[in-house]
Structures are given as C-alpha cells and as structure tokens.
PDB file of all heavy atoms in Angstrom:
ATOM      1  N   SER A   1      -9.552 -23.463  49.559  1.00  0.00           N
ATOM      2  CA  SER A   1      -8.156 -23.228  49.209  1.00  0.00           C
ATOM      3  C   SER A   1      -7.750 -21.804  49.593  1.00  0.00           C
ATOM      4  O   SER A   1      -6.636 -21.583  50.099  1.00  0.00           O
ATOM      5  CB  SER A   1      -7.926 -23.454  47.715  1.00  0.00           C
ATOM      6  OG  SER A   1      -6.575 -23.229  47.375  1.00  0.00           O
ATOM      7  N   ALA A   2      -8.634 -20.845  49.386  1.00  0.00           N
ATOM      8  CA  ALA A   2      -8.341 -19.463  49.774  1.00  0.00           C
ATOM      9  C   ALA A   2      -8.154 -19.352  51.281  1.00  0.00           C
ATOM     10  O   ALA A   2      -7.268 -18.636  51.754  1.00  0.00           O
ATOM     11  CB  ALA A   2      -9.464 -18.538  49.305  1.00  0.00           C
ATOM     12  N   ALA A   3      -8.990 -20.061  52.048  1.00  0.00           N
ATOM     13  CA  ALA A   3      -8.852 -20.028  53.502  1.00  0.00           C
ATOM     14  C   ALA A   3      -7.514 -20.611  53.949  1.00  0.00           C
ATOM     15  O   ALA A   3      -6.895 -20.117  54.892  1.00  0.00           O
ATOM     16  CB  ALA A   3     -10.007 -20.790  54.155  1.00  0.00           C
ATOM     17  N   ARG A   4      -7.056 -21.634  53.253  1.00  0.00           N
ATOM     18  CA  ARG A   4      -5.786 -22.271  53.632  1.00  0.00           C
ATOM     19  C   ARG A   4      -4.575 -21.515  53.086  1.00  0.00           C
ATOM     20  O   ARG A   4      -3.599 -21.293  53.802  1.00  0.00           O
ATOM     21  CB  ARG A   4      -5.754 -23.717  53.127  1.00  0.00           C
ATOM     22  CG  ARG A   4      -6.721 -24.659  53.815  1.00  0.00           C
ATOM     23  CD  ARG A   4      -6.448 -26.095  53.396  1.00  0.00           C
ATOM     24  NE  ARG A   4      -6.533 -26.270  51.945  1.00  0.00           N
ATOM     25  CZ  ARG A   4      -7.661 -26.572  51.289  1.00  0.00           C
ATOM     26  NH1 ARG A   4      -8.801 -26.713  51.963  1.00  0.00           N
ATOM     27  NH2 ARG A   4      -7.652 -26.721  49.981  1.00  0.00           N
ATOM     28  N   GLU A   5      -4.623 -21.143  51.819  1.00  0.00           N
ATOM     29  CA  GLU A   5      -3.426 -20.655  51.127  1.00  0.00           C
ATOM     30  C   GLU A   5      -3.383 -19.153  50.903  1.00  0.00           C
ATOM     31  O   GLU A   5      -2.365 -18.628  50.445  1.00  0.00           O
ATOM     32  CB  GLU A   5      -3.296 -21.368  49.771  1.00  0.00           C
ATOM     33  CG  GLU A   5      -3.342 -22.886  49.848  1.00  0.00           C
ATOM     34  CD  GLU A   5      -2.196 -23.477  50.647  1.00  0.00           C
ATOM     35  OE1 GLU A   5      -1.144 -22.800  50.739  1.00  0.00           O
ATOM     36  OE2 GLU A   5      -2.337 -24.591  51.187  1.00  0.00           O
ATOM     37  N   GLY A   6      -4.478 -18.449  51.158  1.00  0.00           N
ATOM     38  CA  GLY A   6      -4.476 -17.003  50.982  1.00  0.00           C
ATOM     39  C   GLY A   6      -4.116 -16.595  49.568  1.00  0.00           C
ATOM     40  O   GLY A   6      -4.732 -17.068  48.597  1.00  0.00           O
ATOM     41  N   PRO A   7      -3.116 -15.743  49.394  1.00  0.00           N
ATOM     42  CA  PRO A   7      -2.792 -15.231  48.058  1.00  0.00           C
ATOM     43  C   PRO A   7      -2.257 -16.295  47.109  1.00  0.00           C
ATOM     44  O   PRO A   7      -2.199 -16.044  45.898  1.00  0.00           O
ATOM     45  CB  PRO A   7      -1.725 -14.160  48.333  1.00  0.00           C
ATOM     46  CG  PRO A   7      -1.140 -14.533  49.654  1.00  0.00           C
ATOM     47  CD  PRO A   7      -2.270 -15.138  50.435  1.00  0.00           C
ATOM     48  N   ASP A   8      -1.898 -17.469  47.616  1.00  0.00           N
ATOM     49  CA  ASP A   8      -1.413 -18.548  46.756  1.00  0.00           C
ATOM     50  C   ASP A   8      -2.474 -19.623  46.515  1.00  0.00           C
ATOM     51  O   ASP A   8      -2.152 -20.742  46.107  1.00  0.00           O
ATOM     52  CB  ASP A   8      -0.177 -19.198  47.383  1.00  0.00           C
ATOM     53  CG  ASP A   8       0.994 -18.236  47.474  1.00  0.00           C
ATOM     54  OD1 ASP A   8       1.154 -17.408  46.557  1.00  0.00           O
ATOM     55  OD2 ASP A   8       1.729 -18.290  48.484  1.00  0.00           O
ATOM     56  N   ALA A   9      -3.716 -19.285  46.738  1.00  0.00           N
ATOM     57  CA  ALA A   9      -4.800 -20.268  46.631  1.00  0.00           C
ATOM     58  C   ALA A   9      -4.984 -20.776  45.204  1.00  0.00           C
ATOM     59  O   ALA A   9      -4.673 -20.089  44.230  1.00  0.00           O
ATOM     60  CB  ALA A   9      -6.105 -19.642  47.112  1.00  0.00           C
ATOM     61  N   ASP A  10      -5.516 -21.988  45.116  1.00  0.00           N
ATOM     62  CA  ASP A  10      -5.948 -22.540  43.826  1.00  0.00           C
ATOM     63  C   ASP A  10      -7.367 -22.048  43.576  1.00  0.00           C
ATOM     64  O   ASP A  10      -8.337 -22.639  44.056  1.00  0.00           O
ATOM     65  CB  ASP A  10      -5.904 -24.065  43.859  1.00  0.00           C
ATOM     66  CG  ASP A  10      -4.490 -24.609  43.958  1.00  0.00           C
ATOM     67  OD1 ASP A  10      -3.579 -23.978  43.403  1.00  0.00           O
ATOM     68  OD2 ASP A  10      -4.302 -25.661  44.604  1.00  0.00           O
ATOM     69  N   LEU A  11      -7.479 -20.968  42.841  1.00  0.00           N
ATOM     70  CA  LEU A  11      -8.776 -20.364  42.562  1.00  0.00           C
ATOM     71  C   LEU A  11      -9.325 -20.867  41.236  1.00  0.00           C
ATOM     72  O   LEU A  11      -8.569 -21.266  40.347  1.00  0.00           O
ATOM     73  CB  LEU A  11      -8.651 -18.840  42.522  1.00  0.00           C
ATOM     74  CG  LEU A  11      -8.121 -18.171  43.789  1.00  0.00           C
ATOM     75  CD1 LEU A  11      -8.011 -16.655  43.576  1.00  0.00           C
ATOM     76  CD2 LEU A  11      -9.010 -18.482  44.991  1.00  0.00           C
ATOM     77  N   ALA A  12     -10.635 -20.839  41.128  1.00  0.00           N
ATOM     78  CA  ALA A  12     -11.306 -21.246  39.884  1.00  0.00           C
ATOM     79  C   ALA A  12     -12.292 -20.158  39.477  1.00  0.00           C
ATOM     80  O   ALA A  12     -12.962 -19.563  40.322  1.00  0.00           O
ATOM     81  CB  ALA A  12     -12.013 -22.578  40.072  1.00  0.00           C
ATOM     82  N   TRP A  13     -12.405 -19.941  38.169  1.00  0.00           N
ATOM     83  CA  TRP A  13     -13.226 -18.839  37.654  1.00  0.00           C
ATOM     84  C   TRP A  13     -13.653 -19.193  36.242  1.00  0.00           C
ATOM     85  O   TRP A  13     -12.998 -19.982  35.552  1.00  0.00           O
ATOM     86  CB  TRP A  13     -12.395 -17.566  37.635  1.00  0.00           C
ATOM     87  CG  TRP A  13     -13.122 -16.272  37.375  1.00  0.00           C
ATOM     88  CD1 TRP A  13     -13.232 -15.607  36.182  1.00  0.00           C
ATOM     89  CD2 TRP A  13     -13.799 -15.461  38.338  1.00  0.00           C
ATOM     90  NE1 TRP A  13     -13.929 -14.440  36.343  1.00  0.00           N
ATOM     91  CE2 TRP A  13     -14.291 -14.320  37.667  1.00  0.00           C
ATOM     92  CE3 TRP A  13     -14.035 -15.592  39.711  1.00  0.00           C
ATOM     93  CZ2 TRP A  13     -15.014 -13.319  38.323  1.00  0.00           C
ATOM     94  CZ3 TRP A  13     -14.742 -14.589  40.361  1.00  0.00           C
ATOM     95  CH2 TRP A  13     -15.226 -13.473  39.676  1.00  0.00           C
ATOM     96  N   VAL A  14     -14.753 -18.629  35.799  1.00  0.00           N
ATOM     97  CA  VAL A  14     -15.155 -18.662  34.393  1.00  0.00           C
ATOM     98  C   VAL A  14     -15.121 -17.237  33.885  1.00  0.00           C
ATOM     99  O   VAL A  14     -15.742 -16.342  34.483  1.00  0.00           O
ATOM    100  CB  VAL A  14     -16.556 -19.276  34.217  1.00  0.00           C
ATOM    101  CG1 VAL A  14     -17.032 -19.097  32.779  1.00  0.00           C
ATOM    102  CG2 VAL A  14     -16.553 -20.755  34.595  1.00  0.00           C
ATOM    103  N   THR A  15     -14.384 -16.993  32.823  1.00  0.00           N
ATOM    104  CA  THR A  15     -14.203 -15.639  32.314  1.00  0.00           C
ATOM    105  C   THR A  15     -15.430 -15.172  31.532  1.00  0.00           C
ATOM    106  O   THR A  15     -16.341 -15.955  31.237  1.00  0.00           O
ATOM    107  CB  THR A  15     -12.969 -15.559  31.402  1.00  0.00           C
ATOM    108  OG1 THR A  15     -13.182 -16.388  30.254  1.00  0.00           O
ATOM    109  CG2 THR A  15     -11.726 -16.019  32.144  1.00  0.00           C
ATOM    110  N   ALA A  16     -15.415 -13.910  31.174  1.00  0.00           N
ATOM    111  CA  ALA A  16     -16.544 -13.320  30.453  1.00  0.00           C
ATOM    112  C   ALA A  16     -16.809 -14.007  29.126  1.00  0.00           C
ATOM    113  O   ALA A  16     -17.956 -14.016  28.642  1.00  0.00           O
ATOM    114  CB  ALA A  16     -16.299 -11.826  30.231  1.00  0.00           C
ATOM    115  N   ASP A  17     -15.775 -14.601  28.521  1.00  0.00           N
ATOM    116  CA  ASP A  17     -15.985 -15.306  27.255  1.00  0.00           C
ATOM    117  C   ASP A  17     -16.254 -16.798  27.472  1.00  0.00           C
ATOM    118  O   ASP A  17     -16.208 -17.587  26.523  1.00  0.00           O
ATOM    119  CB  ASP A  17     -14.805 -15.101  26.308  1.00  0.00           C
ATOM    120  CG  ASP A  17     -13.491 -15.583  26.903  1.00  0.00           C
ATOM    121  OD1 ASP A  17     -13.501 -16.147  28.016  1.00  0.00           O
ATOM    122  OD2 ASP A  17     -12.440 -15.373  26.258  1.00  0.00           O
ATOM    123  N   GLY A  18     -16.531 -17.180  28.722  1.00  0.00           N
ATOM    124  CA  GLY A  18     -16.952 -18.549  29.003  1.00  0.00           C
ATOM    125  C   GLY A  18     -15.832 -19.542  29.205  1.00  0.00           C
ATOM    126  O   GLY A  18     -16.093 -20.750  29.290  1.00  0.00           O
ATOM    127  N   GLN A  19     -14.583 -19.068  29.319  1.00  0.00           N
ATOM    128  CA  GLN A  19     -13.450 -19.967  29.488  1.00  0.00           C
ATOM    129  C   GLN A  19     -13.122 -20.146  30.968  1.00  0.00           C
ATOM    130  O   GLN A  19     -13.067 -19.184  31.715  1.00  0.00           O
ATOM    131  CB  GLN A  19     -12.224 -19.409  28.752  1.00  0.00           C
ATOM    132  CG  GLN A  19     -12.428 -19.246  27.251  1.00  0.00           C
ATOM    133  CD  GLN A  19     -12.723 -20.567  26.565  1.00  0.00           C
ATOM    134  OE1 GLN A  19     -11.990 -21.542  26.742  1.00  0.00           O
ATOM    135  NE2 GLN A  19     -13.792 -20.589  25.784  1.00  0.00           N
ATOM    136  N   ARG A  20     -12.890 -21.380  31.356  1.00  0.00           N
ATOM    137  CA  ARG A  20     -12.472 -21.646  32.725  1.00  0.00           C
ATOM    138  C   ARG A  20     -11.003 -21.250  32.882  1.00  0.00           C
ATOM    139  O   ARG A  20     -10.182 -21.498  32.000  1.00  0.00           O
ATOM    140  CB  ARG A  20     -12.646 -23.123  33.069  1.00  0.00           C
ATOM    141  CG  ARG A  20     -12.259 -23.446  34.522  1.00  0.00           C
ATOM    142  CD  ARG A  20     -12.207 -24.943  34.763  1.00  0.00           C
ATOM    143  NE  ARG A  20     -11.597 -25.214  36.049  1.00  0.00           N
ATOM    144  CZ  ARG A  20     -12.253 -25.595  37.128  1.00  0.00           C
ATOM    145  NH1 ARG A  20     -13.562 -25.750  37.070  1.00  0.00           N
ATOM    146  NH2 ARG A  20     -11.618 -25.840  38.265  1.00  0.00           N
ATOM    147  N   THR A  21     -10.677 -20.633  34.030  1.00  0.00           N
ATOM    148  CA  THR A  21      -9.295 -20.240  34.284  1.00  0.00           C
ATOM    149  C   THR A  21      -8.965 -20.400  35.756  1.00  0.00           C
ATOM    150  O   THR A  21      -9.844 -20.298  36.624  1.00  0.00           O
ATOM    151  CB  THR A  21      -9.030 -18.785  33.842  1.00  0.00           C
ATOM    152  OG1 THR A  21      -7.643 -18.494  33.993  1.00  0.00           O
ATOM    153  CG2 THR A  21      -9.845 -17.803  34.667  1.00  0.00           C
ATOM    154  N   THR A  22      -7.679 -20.620  36.027  1.00  0.00           N
ATOM    155  CA  THR A  22      -7.154 -20.613  37.389  1.00  0.00           C
ATOM    156  C   THR A  22      -6.088 -19.526  37.539  1.00  0.00           C
ATOM    157  O   THR A  22      -5.459 -19.432  38.593  1.00  0.00           O
ATOM    158  CB  THR A  22      -6.542 -21.982  37.746  1.00  0.00           C
ATOM    159  OG1 THR A  22      -5.489 -22.283  36.816  1.00  0.00           O
ATOM    160  CG2 THR A  22      -7.595 -23.078  37.695  1.00  0.00           C
ATOM    161  N   ASP A  23      -5.903 -18.730  36.503  1.00  0.00           N
ATOM    162  CA  ASP A  23      -4.877 -17.699  36.484  1.00  0.00           C
ATOM    163  C   ASP A  23      -5.307 -16.504  37.339  1.00  0.00           C
ATOM    164  O   ASP A  23      -6.350 -15.889  37.079  1.00  0.00           O
ATOM    165  CB  ASP A  23      -4.617 -17.245  35.048  1.00  0.00           C
ATOM    166  CG  ASP A  23      -3.560 -16.170  34.977  1.00  0.00           C
ATOM    167  OD1 ASP A  23      -2.378 -16.503  35.137  1.00  0.00           O
ATOM    168  OD2 ASP A  23      -3.942 -14.997  34.785  1.00  0.00           O
ATOM    169  N   HIS A  24      -4.514 -16.166  38.349  1.00  0.00           N
ATOM    170  CA  HIS A  24      -4.897 -15.102  39.268  1.00  0.00           C
ATOM    171  C   HIS A  24      -5.029 -13.759  38.570  1.00  0.00           C
ATOM    172  O   HIS A  24      -5.953 -12.979  38.885  1.00  0.00           O
ATOM    173  CB  HIS A  24      -3.878 -15.009  40.407  1.00  0.00           C
ATOM    174  CG  HIS A  24      -4.085 -16.011  41.491  1.00  0.00           C
ATOM    175  ND1 HIS A  24      -3.813 -15.765  42.816  1.00  0.00           N
ATOM    176  CD2 HIS A  24      -4.546 -17.291  41.444  1.00  0.00           C
ATOM    177  CE1 HIS A  24      -4.083 -16.827  43.547  1.00  0.00           C
ATOM    178  NE2 HIS A  24      -4.526 -17.774  42.733  1.00  0.00           N
ATOM    179  N   ASP A  25      -4.145 -13.455  37.656  1.00  0.00           N
ATOM    180  CA  ASP A  25      -4.236 -12.168  36.964  1.00  0.00           C
ATOM    181  C   ASP A  25      -5.545 -12.055  36.191  1.00  0.00           C
ATOM    182  O   ASP A  25      -6.228 -11.017  36.239  1.00  0.00           O
ATOM    183  CB  ASP A  25      -3.049 -11.991  36.014  1.00  0.00           C
ATOM    184  CG  ASP A  25      -1.754 -11.689  36.751  1.00  0.00           C
ATOM    185  OD1 ASP A  25      -1.823 -11.222  37.902  1.00  0.00           O
ATOM    186  OD2 ASP A  25      -0.681 -11.932  36.177  1.00  0.00           O
ATOM    187  N   ALA A  26      -5.903 -13.125  35.485  1.00  0.00           N
ATOM    188  CA  ALA A  26      -7.160 -13.104  34.724  1.00  0.00           C
ATOM    189  C   ALA A  26      -8.361 -12.980  35.654  1.00  0.00           C
ATOM    190  O   ALA A  26      -9.317 -12.243  35.371  1.00  0.00           O
ATOM    191  CB  ALA A  26      -7.268 -14.371  33.870  1.00  0.00           C
ATOM    192  N   ILE A  27      -8.311 -13.697  36.778  1.00  0.00           N
ATOM    193  CA  ILE A  27      -9.435 -13.665  37.724  1.00  0.00           C
ATOM    194  C   ILE A  27      -9.601 -12.274  38.312  1.00  0.00           C
ATOM    195  O   ILE A  27     -10.691 -11.686  38.291  1.00  0.00           O
ATOM    196  CB  ILE A  27      -9.223 -14.714  38.833  1.00  0.00           C
ATOM    197  CG1 ILE A  27      -9.332 -16.123  38.260  1.00  0.00           C
ATOM    198  CG2 ILE A  27     -10.251 -14.514  39.960  1.00  0.00           C
ATOM    199  CD1 ILE A  27      -8.910 -17.225  39.227  1.00  0.00           C
ATOM    200  N   TYR A  28      -8.498 -11.707  38.825  1.00  0.00           N
ATOM    201  CA  TYR A  28      -8.640 -10.416  39.501  1.00  0.00           C
ATOM    202  C   TYR A  28      -8.831  -9.267  38.529  1.00  0.00           C
ATOM    203  O   TYR A  28      -9.445  -8.241  38.886  1.00  0.00           O
ATOM    204  CB  TYR A  28      -7.460 -10.182  40.443  1.00  0.00           C
ATOM    205  CG  TYR A  28      -7.591 -11.009  41.701  1.00  0.00           C
ATOM    206  CD1 TYR A  28      -6.734 -12.085  41.953  1.00  0.00           C
ATOM    207  CD2 TYR A  28      -8.603 -10.747  42.624  1.00  0.00           C
ATOM    208  CE1 TYR A  28      -6.873 -12.866  43.095  1.00  0.00           C
ATOM    209  CE2 TYR A  28      -8.749 -11.511  43.766  1.00  0.00           C
ATOM    210  CZ  TYR A  28      -7.891 -12.571  43.999  1.00  0.00           C
ATOM    211  OH  TYR A  28      -8.040 -13.334  45.123  1.00  0.00           O
ATOM    212  N   ASP A  29      -8.369  -9.411  37.303  1.00  0.00           N
ATOM    213  CA  ASP A  29      -8.711  -8.404  36.294  1.00  0.00           C
ATOM    214  C   ASP A  29     -10.223  -8.297  36.179  1.00  0.00           C
ATOM    215  O   ASP A  29     -10.785  -7.191  36.127  1.00  0.00           O
ATOM    216  CB  ASP A  29      -8.108  -8.780  34.939  1.00  0.00           C
ATOM    217  CG  ASP A  29      -6.619  -8.457  34.845  1.00  0.00           C
ATOM    218  OD1 ASP A  29      -6.089  -7.772  35.743  1.00  0.00           O
ATOM    219  OD2 ASP A  29      -5.985  -8.916  33.857  1.00  0.00           O
ATOM    220  N   GLU A  30     -10.892  -9.452  36.134  1.00  0.00           N
ATOM    221  CA  GLU A  30     -12.353  -9.423  36.004  1.00  0.00           C
ATOM    222  C   GLU A  30     -13.038  -9.045  37.314  1.00  0.00           C
ATOM    223  O   GLU A  30     -14.073  -8.365  37.294  1.00  0.00           O
ATOM    224  CB  GLU A  30     -12.864 -10.777  35.500  1.00  0.00           C
ATOM    225  CG  GLU A  30     -12.502 -11.044  34.059  1.00  0.00           C
ATOM    226  CD  GLU A  30     -13.451 -12.021  33.376  1.00  0.00           C
ATOM    227  OE1 GLU A  30     -14.308 -12.638  34.061  1.00  0.00           O
ATOM    228  OE2 GLU A  30     -13.358 -12.154  32.151  1.00  0.00           O
ATOM    229  N   VAL A  31     -12.495  -9.471  38.441  1.00  0.00           N
ATOM    230  CA  VAL A  31     -13.085  -9.089  39.730  1.00  0.00           C
ATOM    231  C   VAL A  31     -13.199  -7.566  39.816  1.00  0.00           C
ATOM    232  O   VAL A  31     -14.264  -7.012  40.142  1.00  0.00           O
ATOM    233  CB  VAL A  31     -12.255  -9.646  40.901  1.00  0.00           C
ATOM    234  CG1 VAL A  31     -12.627  -8.944  42.214  1.00  0.00           C
ATOM    235  CG2 VAL A  31     -12.475 -11.151  41.045  1.00  0.00           C
ATOM    236  N   PHE A  32     -12.110  -6.878  39.505  1.00  0.00           N
ATOM    237  CA  PHE A  32     -12.141  -5.423  39.624  1.00  0.00           C
ATOM    238  C   PHE A  32     -12.892  -4.768  38.468  1.00  0.00           C
ATOM    239  O   PHE A  32     -13.582  -3.755  38.666  1.00  0.00           O
ATOM    240  CB  PHE A  32     -10.714  -4.879  39.742  1.00  0.00           C
ATOM    241  CG  PHE A  32     -10.126  -5.093  41.106  1.00  0.00           C
ATOM    242  CD1 PHE A  32      -9.307  -6.181  41.370  1.00  0.00           C
ATOM    243  CD2 PHE A  32     -10.432  -4.225  42.138  1.00  0.00           C
ATOM    244  CE1 PHE A  32      -8.785  -6.387  42.633  1.00  0.00           C
ATOM    245  CE2 PHE A  32      -9.919  -4.420  43.411  1.00  0.00           C
ATOM    246  CZ  PHE A  32      -9.090  -5.509  43.663  1.00  0.00           C
ATOM    247  N   GLU A  33     -12.788  -5.345  37.273  1.00  0.00           N
ATOM    248  CA  GLU A  33     -13.534  -4.787  36.141  1.00  0.00           C
ATOM    249  C   GLU A  33     -15.036  -4.826  36.402  1.00  0.00           C
ATOM    250  O   GLU A  33     -15.746  -3.828  36.167  1.00  0.00           O
ATOM    251  CB  GLU A  33     -13.205  -5.563  34.862  1.00  0.00           C
ATOM    252  CG  GLU A  33     -14.038  -5.109  33.663  1.00  0.00           C
ATOM    253  CD  GLU A  33     -13.863  -6.002  32.436  1.00  0.00           C
ATOM    254  OE1 GLU A  33     -12.943  -6.853  32.431  1.00  0.00           O
ATOM    255  OE2 GLU A  33     -14.670  -5.845  31.480  1.00  0.00           O
ATOM    256  N   TYR A  34     -15.520  -5.972  36.888  1.00  0.00           N
ATOM    257  CA  TYR A  34     -16.964  -6.101  37.049  1.00  0.00           C
ATOM    258  C   TYR A  34     -17.456  -5.408  38.317  1.00  0.00           C
ATOM    259  O   TYR A  34     -18.627  -4.996  38.384  1.00  0.00           O
ATOM    260  CB  TYR A  34     -17.380  -7.569  36.969  1.00  0.00           C
ATOM    261  CG  TYR A  34     -17.398  -8.020  35.524  1.00  0.00           C
ATOM    262  CD1 TYR A  34     -16.237  -8.478  34.908  1.00  0.00           C
ATOM    263  CD2 TYR A  34     -18.540  -7.896  34.759  1.00  0.00           C
ATOM    264  CE1 TYR A  34     -16.229  -8.825  33.561  1.00  0.00           C
ATOM    265  CE2 TYR A  34     -18.550  -8.246  33.407  1.00  0.00           C
ATOM    266  CZ  TYR A  34     -17.388  -8.707  32.817  1.00  0.00           C
ATOM    267  OH  TYR A  34     -17.393  -9.029  31.477  1.00  0.00           O
ATOM    268  N   ALA A  35     -16.596  -5.250  39.309  1.00  0.00           N
ATOM    269  CA  ALA A  35     -16.965  -4.412  40.446  1.00  0.00           C
ATOM    270  C   ALA A  35     -17.173  -2.970  39.971  1.00  0.00           C
ATOM    271  O   ALA A  35     -18.138  -2.300  40.368  1.00  0.00           O
ATOM    272  CB  ALA A  35     -15.889  -4.465  41.518  1.00  0.00           C
ATOM    273  N   ARG A  36     -16.282  -2.501  39.109  1.00  0.00           N
ATOM    274  CA  ARG A  36     -16.422  -1.150  38.574  1.00  0.00           C
ATOM    275  C   ARG A  36     -17.683  -1.025  37.716  1.00  0.00           C
ATOM    276  O   ARG A  36     -18.391  -0.012  37.781  1.00  0.00           O
ATOM    277  CB  ARG A  36     -15.180  -0.776  37.768  1.00  0.00           C
ATOM    278  CG  ARG A  36     -13.961  -0.496  38.639  1.00  0.00           C
ATOM    279  CD  ARG A  36     -12.705  -0.253  37.829  1.00  0.00           C
ATOM    280  NE  ARG A  36     -11.649   0.286  38.682  1.00  0.00           N
ATOM    281  CZ  ARG A  36     -11.482   1.556  38.985  1.00  0.00           C
ATOM    282  NH1 ARG A  36     -12.311   2.446  38.454  1.00  0.00           N
ATOM    283  NH2 ARG A  36     -10.520   1.954  39.780  1.00  0.00           N
ATOM    284  N   ARG A  37     -17.963  -2.060  36.932  1.00  0.00           N
ATOM    285  CA  ARG A  37     -19.190  -2.023  36.115  1.00  0.00           C
ATOM    286  C   ARG A  37     -20.429  -1.940  37.000  1.00  0.00           C
ATOM    287  O   ARG A  37     -21.381  -1.203  36.710  1.00  0.00           O
ATOM    288  CB  ARG A  37     -19.277  -3.277  35.245  1.00  0.00           C
ATOM    289  CG  ARG A  37     -18.351  -3.291  34.056  1.00  0.00           C
ATOM    290  CD  ARG A  37     -18.843  -4.340  33.067  1.00  0.00           C
ATOM    291  NE  ARG A  37     -17.915  -4.578  31.995  1.00  0.00           N
ATOM    292  CZ  ARG A  37     -18.205  -5.286  30.906  1.00  0.00           C
ATOM    293  NH1 ARG A  37     -19.417  -5.825  30.773  1.00  0.00           N
ATOM    294  NH2 ARG A  37     -17.308  -5.472  29.959  1.00  0.00           N
ATOM    295  N   GLY A  38     -20.418  -2.744  38.052  1.00  0.00           N
ATOM    296  CA  GLY A  38     -21.573  -2.740  38.943  1.00  0.00           C
ATOM    297  C   GLY A  38     -21.789  -1.404  39.611  1.00  0.00           C
ATOM    298  O   GLY A  38     -22.929  -0.917  39.706  1.00  0.00           O
ATOM    299  N   LEU A  39     -20.718  -0.794  40.065  1.00  0.00           N
ATOM    300  CA  LEU A  39     -20.839   0.518  40.692  1.00  0.00           C
ATOM    301  C   LEU A  39     -21.260   1.579  39.680  1.00  0.00           C
ATOM    302  O   LEU A  39     -22.088   2.453  39.983  1.00  0.00           O
ATOM    303  CB  LEU A  39     -19.506   0.883  41.346  1.00  0.00           C
ATOM    304  CG  LEU A  39     -19.080  -0.028  42.507  1.00  0.00           C
ATOM    305  CD1 LEU A  39     -17.628   0.215  42.881  1.00  0.00           C
ATOM    306  CD2 LEU A  39     -19.992   0.171  43.713  1.00  0.00           C
ATOM    307  N   ALA A  40     -20.706   1.502  38.477  1.00  0.00           N
ATOM    308  CA  ALA A  40     -21.087   2.457  37.435  1.00  0.00           C
ATOM    309  C   ALA A  40     -22.567   2.319  37.082  1.00  0.00           C
ATOM    310  O   ALA A  40     -23.242   3.318  36.794  1.00  0.00           O
ATOM    311  CB  ALA A  40     -20.222   2.260  36.198  1.00  0.00           C
ATOM    312  N   SER A  41     -23.075   1.086  37.102  1.00  0.00           N
ATOM    313  CA  SER A  41     -24.496   0.871  36.791  1.00  0.00           C
ATOM    314  C   SER A  41     -25.403   1.512  37.838  1.00  0.00           C
ATOM    315  O   SER A  41     -26.590   1.745  37.583  1.00  0.00           O
ATOM    316  CB  SER A  41     -24.812  -0.619  36.681  1.00  0.00           C
ATOM    317  OG  SER A  41     -24.848  -1.237  37.957  1.00  0.00           O
ATOM    318  N   GLN A  42     -24.834   1.816  39.010  1.00  0.00           N
ATOM    319  CA  GLN A  42     -25.577   2.500  40.075  1.00  0.00           C
ATOM    320  C   GLN A  42     -25.229   3.986  40.125  1.00  0.00           C
ATOM    321  O   GLN A  42     -25.477   4.645  41.127  1.00  0.00           O
ATOM    322  CB  GLN A  42     -25.272   1.846  41.417  1.00  0.00           C
ATOM    323  CG  GLN A  42     -25.747   0.404  41.545  1.00  0.00           C
ATOM    324  CD  GLN A  42     -27.252   0.280  41.453  1.00  0.00           C
ATOM    325  OE1 GLN A  42     -27.771  -0.366  40.545  1.00  0.00           O
ATOM    326  NE2 GLN A  42     -27.979   0.914  42.366  1.00  0.00           N
TER     327      GLN A  42
END
C-alpha cells in the first residue's frame, strides 16, 4: 500500500501498549520516538 499510495497508504502498526492502529499520527509518533530511543541507547 505504501508503494502504491505513498503518504496516503493504508498502514498497519501495533503500538507500545499492544493496540493495533492504522492512524498515521499514532504510527509516526512511535516511529520517531523509538528511532530516538534507539539512537540514545547508542
């Protein structure tokens, strides 16, 4: 879906509290949060 629709893709994610979501804001909030965590851990 990302390859076809780009920024309007139907994305799927499981949040940190174990909830499934398709909400882009929730997904990218965690994408950047956990990227920062990973870099901080290094």
